[in-house]
Amino acid sequence: MEVIHKIGRRKTAVARVYVSEGKGNITVNKKDVNTYFPTATLQYKVNQPLVLTDNEKNFDIKVNVFGGGFTGQAEAVRLALSRAMCELDPENRSILKPEGLLTRDPRMVERKKFGQKKARKKFQFSKR
């Protein structure tokens, strides 16, 4: 099996995932996944596509991720892994699609408008 390369994005985070046959090692930016994503919630998000498709111990996964915060990065990795699992076995699509793991979350930060303090907040108004 050759190496499968997929990209996932969330907010400003971009994750590049390289999947190859192996024993289930996941490295994120040359660190272990449990070191890079310290909380259980983030680790769950990253492992979700592997658990749902029963592939936790079948592949070695190398991830390069940059931009955004920890949650955005974890969700970008999740999307990239889901896409890779679909390429490995097209039947995985029917498992991951109902869980919403193949959909790129379109929500982005709204831009700040001129004449306002932030995107929606106005400057303080003084009547007198």
C-alpha atoms as a PDB file:
ATOM      1  CA  MET A   1       0.000   0.000   0.000  1.00  0.00           C
ATOM      2  CA  GLU A   2       1.319   3.438  -0.909  1.00  0.00           C
ATOM      3  CA  VAL A   3       1.066   6.450   1.390  1.00  0.00           C
ATOM      4  CA  ILE A   4      -2.279   8.260   1.259  1.00  0.00           C
ATOM      5  CA  HIS A   5      -2.152  12.055   1.611  1.00  0.00           C
ATOM      6  CA  LYS A   6      -5.261  14.073   2.537  1.00  0.00           C
ATOM      7  CA  ILE A   7      -5.893  17.638   3.721  1.00  0.00           C
ATOM      8  CA  GLY A   8      -8.455  18.862   6.247  1.00  0.00           C
ATOM      9  CA  ARG A   9      -9.294  22.426   7.292  1.00  0.00           C
ATOM     10  CA  ARG A  10     -11.217  24.078  10.132  1.00  0.00           C
ATOM     11  CA  LYS A  11     -11.308  27.858  10.721  1.00  0.00           C
ATOM     12  CA  THR A  12      -7.670  28.850  10.013  1.00  0.00           C
ATOM     13  CA  ALA A  13      -6.150  25.429  10.841  1.00  0.00           C
ATOM     14  CA  VAL A  14      -4.813  23.213   8.041  1.00  0.00           C
ATOM     15  CA  ALA A  15      -3.923  19.548   8.619  1.00  0.00           C
ATOM     16  CA  ARG A  16      -2.006  17.320   6.199  1.00  0.00           C
ATOM     17  CA  VAL A  17      -2.360  13.618   6.976  1.00  0.00           C
ATOM     18  CA  TYR A  18      -0.138  10.829   5.630  1.00  0.00           C
ATOM     19  CA  VAL A  19      -1.559   7.324   6.202  1.00  0.00           C
ATOM     20  CA  SER A  20       0.549   4.189   5.737  1.00  0.00           C
ATOM     21  CA  GLU A  21       0.320   0.595   6.939  1.00  0.00           C
ATOM     22  CA  GLY A  22       1.612   0.072  10.466  1.00  0.00           C
ATOM     23  CA  LYS A  23       0.803  -0.591  14.091  1.00  0.00           C
ATOM     24  CA  GLY A  24      -1.381   2.396  15.000  1.00  0.00           C
ATOM     25  CA  ASN A  25       1.197   5.095  15.789  1.00  0.00           C
ATOM     26  CA  ILE A  26      -0.061   8.662  15.375  1.00  0.00           C
ATOM     27  CA  THR A  27       2.472  11.517  15.318  1.00  0.00           C
ATOM     28  CA  VAL A  28       1.390  15.153  15.125  1.00  0.00           C
ATOM     29  CA  ASN A  29       4.164  17.643  14.255  1.00  0.00           C
ATOM     30  CA  LYS A  30       6.806  15.042  15.266  1.00  0.00           C
ATOM     31  CA  LYS A  31       5.185  14.549  18.708  1.00  0.00           C
ATOM     32  CA  ASP A  32       2.939  11.771  19.998  1.00  0.00           C
ATOM     33  CA  VAL A  33      -0.770  12.562  19.568  1.00  0.00           C
ATOM     34  CA  ASN A  34      -1.360  12.373  23.352  1.00  0.00           C
ATOM     35  CA  THR A  35       1.433  14.895  23.955  1.00  0.00           C
ATOM     36  CA  TYR A  36       0.325  17.345  21.254  1.00  0.00           C
ATOM     37  CA  PHE A  37      -3.389  17.196  22.165  1.00  0.00           C
ATOM     38  CA  PRO A  38      -3.323  16.991  25.985  1.00  0.00           C
ATOM     39  CA  THR A  39      -7.073  16.856  26.750  1.00  0.00           C
ATOM     40  CA  ALA A  40      -9.250  13.759  26.394  1.00  0.00           C
ATOM     41  CA  THR A  41     -11.809  15.667  24.298  1.00  0.00           C
ATOM     42  CA  LEU A  42      -9.246  16.591  21.633  1.00  0.00           C
ATOM     43  CA  GLN A  43      -7.805  13.057  21.601  1.00  0.00           C
ATOM     44  CA  TYR A  44     -11.331  11.669  21.148  1.00  0.00           C
ATOM     45  CA  LYS A  45     -11.928  14.010  18.185  1.00  0.00           C
ATOM     46  CA  VAL A  46      -8.699  12.935  16.478  1.00  0.00           C
ATOM     47  CA  ASN A  47      -9.346   9.198  17.015  1.00  0.00           C
ATOM     48  CA  GLN A  48     -13.062   9.289  16.117  1.00  0.00           C
ATOM     49  CA  PRO A  49     -12.736   8.302  12.407  1.00  0.00           C
ATOM     50  CA  LEU A  50     -10.373   5.436  13.300  1.00  0.00           C
ATOM     51  CA  VAL A  51     -12.642   4.090  16.059  1.00  0.00           C
ATOM     52  CA  LEU A  52     -15.789   4.237  13.904  1.00  0.00           C
ATOM     53  CA  THR A  53     -14.087   2.351  11.038  1.00  0.00           C
ATOM     54  CA  ASP A  54     -12.254  -0.131  13.356  1.00  0.00           C
ATOM     55  CA  ASN A  55      -8.796   0.926  12.135  1.00  0.00           C
ATOM     56  CA  GLU A  56      -7.092   2.001  15.395  1.00  0.00           C
ATOM     57  CA  LYS A  57      -4.221  -0.507  15.105  1.00  0.00           C
ATOM     58  CA  ASN A  58      -3.959  -0.917  11.316  1.00  0.00           C
ATOM     59  CA  PHE A  59      -2.242   2.280  10.162  1.00  0.00           C
ATOM     60  CA  ASP A  60       0.626   4.588  11.072  1.00  0.00           C
ATOM     61  CA  ILE A  61      -0.443   8.206  10.707  1.00  0.00           C
ATOM     62  CA  LYS A  62       1.850  11.214  10.321  1.00  0.00           C
ATOM     63  CA  VAL A  63       0.207  14.630  10.657  1.00  0.00           C
ATOM     64  CA  ASN A  64       1.485  18.137   9.887  1.00  0.00           C
ATOM     65  CA  VAL A  65      -0.887  20.769  11.255  1.00  0.00           C
ATOM     66  CA  PHE A  66      -0.544  24.551  11.542  1.00  0.00           C
ATOM     67  CA  GLY A  67      -2.691  27.611  12.147  1.00  0.00           C
ATOM     68  CA  GLY A  68      -5.604  28.158  14.499  1.00  0.00           C
ATOM     69  CA  GLY A  69      -5.951  26.838  18.039  1.00  0.00           C
ATOM     70  CA  PHE A  70      -5.986  23.346  19.500  1.00  0.00           C
ATOM     71  CA  THR A  71      -9.681  22.655  18.852  1.00  0.00           C
ATOM     72  CA  GLY A  72      -9.531  23.877  15.253  1.00  0.00           C
ATOM     73  CA  GLN A  73      -6.410  21.801  14.654  1.00  0.00           C
ATOM     74  CA  ALA A  74      -7.992  18.666  16.165  1.00  0.00           C
ATOM     75  CA  GLU A  75     -11.091  19.068  13.987  1.00  0.00           C
ATOM     76  CA  ALA A  76      -8.941  19.675  10.886  1.00  0.00           C
ATOM     77  CA  VAL A  77      -7.042  16.436  11.623  1.00  0.00           C
ATOM     78  CA  ARG A  78     -10.370  14.618  12.094  1.00  0.00           C
ATOM     79  CA  LEU A  79     -11.632  15.768   8.678  1.00  0.00           C
ATOM     80  CA  ALA A  80      -8.381  14.798   6.935  1.00  0.00           C
ATOM     81  CA  LEU A  81      -8.389  11.351   8.601  1.00  0.00           C
ATOM     82  CA  SER A  82     -12.027  10.808   7.619  1.00  0.00           C
ATOM     83  CA  ARG A  83     -11.193  11.612   3.997  1.00  0.00           C
ATOM     84  CA  ALA A  84      -8.234   9.205   4.111  1.00  0.00           C
ATOM     85  CA  MET A  85     -10.401   6.402   5.568  1.00  0.00           C
ATOM     86  CA  CYS A  86     -12.863   6.879   2.674  1.00  0.00           C
ATOM     87  CA  GLU A  87     -10.077   6.555   0.120  1.00  0.00           C
ATOM     88  CA  LEU A  88      -8.800   3.365   1.781  1.00  0.00           C
ATOM     89  CA  ASP A  89     -12.243   1.726   1.742  1.00  0.00           C
ATOM     90  CA  PRO A  90     -15.235   3.356   0.003  1.00  0.00           C
ATOM     91  CA  GLU A  91     -17.586   1.489   2.385  1.00  0.00           C
ATOM     92  CA  ASN A  92     -16.284   3.691   5.220  1.00  0.00           C
ATOM     93  CA  ARG A  93     -18.134   6.599   3.606  1.00  0.00           C
ATOM     94  CA  SER A  94     -21.506   5.182   4.688  1.00  0.00           C
ATOM     95  CA  ILE A  95     -20.210   4.996   8.290  1.00  0.00           C
ATOM     96  CA  LEU A  96     -18.602   8.456   8.475  1.00  0.00           C
ATOM     97  CA  LYS A  97     -21.141  10.512   6.478  1.00  0.00           C
ATOM     98  CA  PRO A  98     -24.071  10.119   8.950  1.00  0.00           C
ATOM     99  CA  GLU A  99     -21.739  11.151  11.801  1.00  0.00           C
ATOM    100  CA  GLY A 100     -20.959  14.395   9.937  1.00  0.00           C
ATOM    101  CA  LEU A 101     -17.229  13.684   9.726  1.00  0.00           C
ATOM    102  CA  LEU A 102     -16.939  14.306   5.976  1.00  0.00           C
ATOM    103  CA  THR A 103     -18.420  17.809   6.078  1.00  0.00           C
ATOM    104  CA  ARG A 104     -16.078  20.796   6.223  1.00  0.00           C
ATOM    105  CA  ASP A 105     -17.419  23.164   8.892  1.00  0.00           C
ATOM    106  CA  PRO A 106     -17.933  26.429   6.970  1.00  0.00           C
ATOM    107  CA  ARG A 107     -18.008  28.724  10.011  1.00  0.00           C
ATOM    108  CA  MET A 108     -15.244  31.333   9.941  1.00  0.00           C
ATOM    109  CA  VAL A 109     -14.528  34.444  12.012  1.00  0.00           C
ATOM    110  CA  GLU A 110     -16.658  37.358  10.853  1.00  0.00           C
ATOM    111  CA  ARG A 111     -14.629  40.360   9.759  1.00  0.00           C
ATOM    112  CA  LYS A 112     -14.457  43.589  11.748  1.00  0.00           C
ATOM    113  CA  LYS A 113     -16.371  46.420  10.111  1.00  0.00           C
ATOM    114  CA  PHE A 114     -15.157  50.024   9.967  1.00  0.00           C
ATOM    115  CA  GLY A 115     -17.085  52.399  12.224  1.00  0.00           C
ATOM    116  CA  GLN A 116     -17.548  49.561  14.733  1.00  0.00           C
ATOM    117  CA  LYS A 117     -15.488  48.206  17.623  1.00  0.00           C
ATOM    118  CA  LYS A 118     -15.692  44.541  16.475  1.00  0.00           C
ATOM    119  CA  ALA A 119     -17.648  42.476  13.946  1.00  0.00           C
ATOM    120  CA  ARG A 120     -21.037  43.146  15.574  1.00  0.00           C
ATOM    121  CA  LYS A 121     -20.259  45.389  18.565  1.00  0.00           C
ATOM    122  CA  LYS A 122     -20.685  49.121  18.055  1.00  0.00           C
ATOM    123  CA  PHE A 123     -18.693  51.931  19.645  1.00  0.00           C
ATOM    124  CA  GLN A 124     -20.161  53.267  22.888  1.00  0.00           C
ATOM    125  CA  PHE A 125     -22.983  55.713  22.164  1.00  0.00           C
ATOM    126  CA  SER A 126     -23.326  58.912  24.188  1.00  0.00           C
ATOM    127  CA  LYS A 127     -26.648  60.722  23.967  1.00  0.00           C
ATOM    128  CA  ARG A 128     -25.323  63.984  25.439  1.00  0.00           C
END
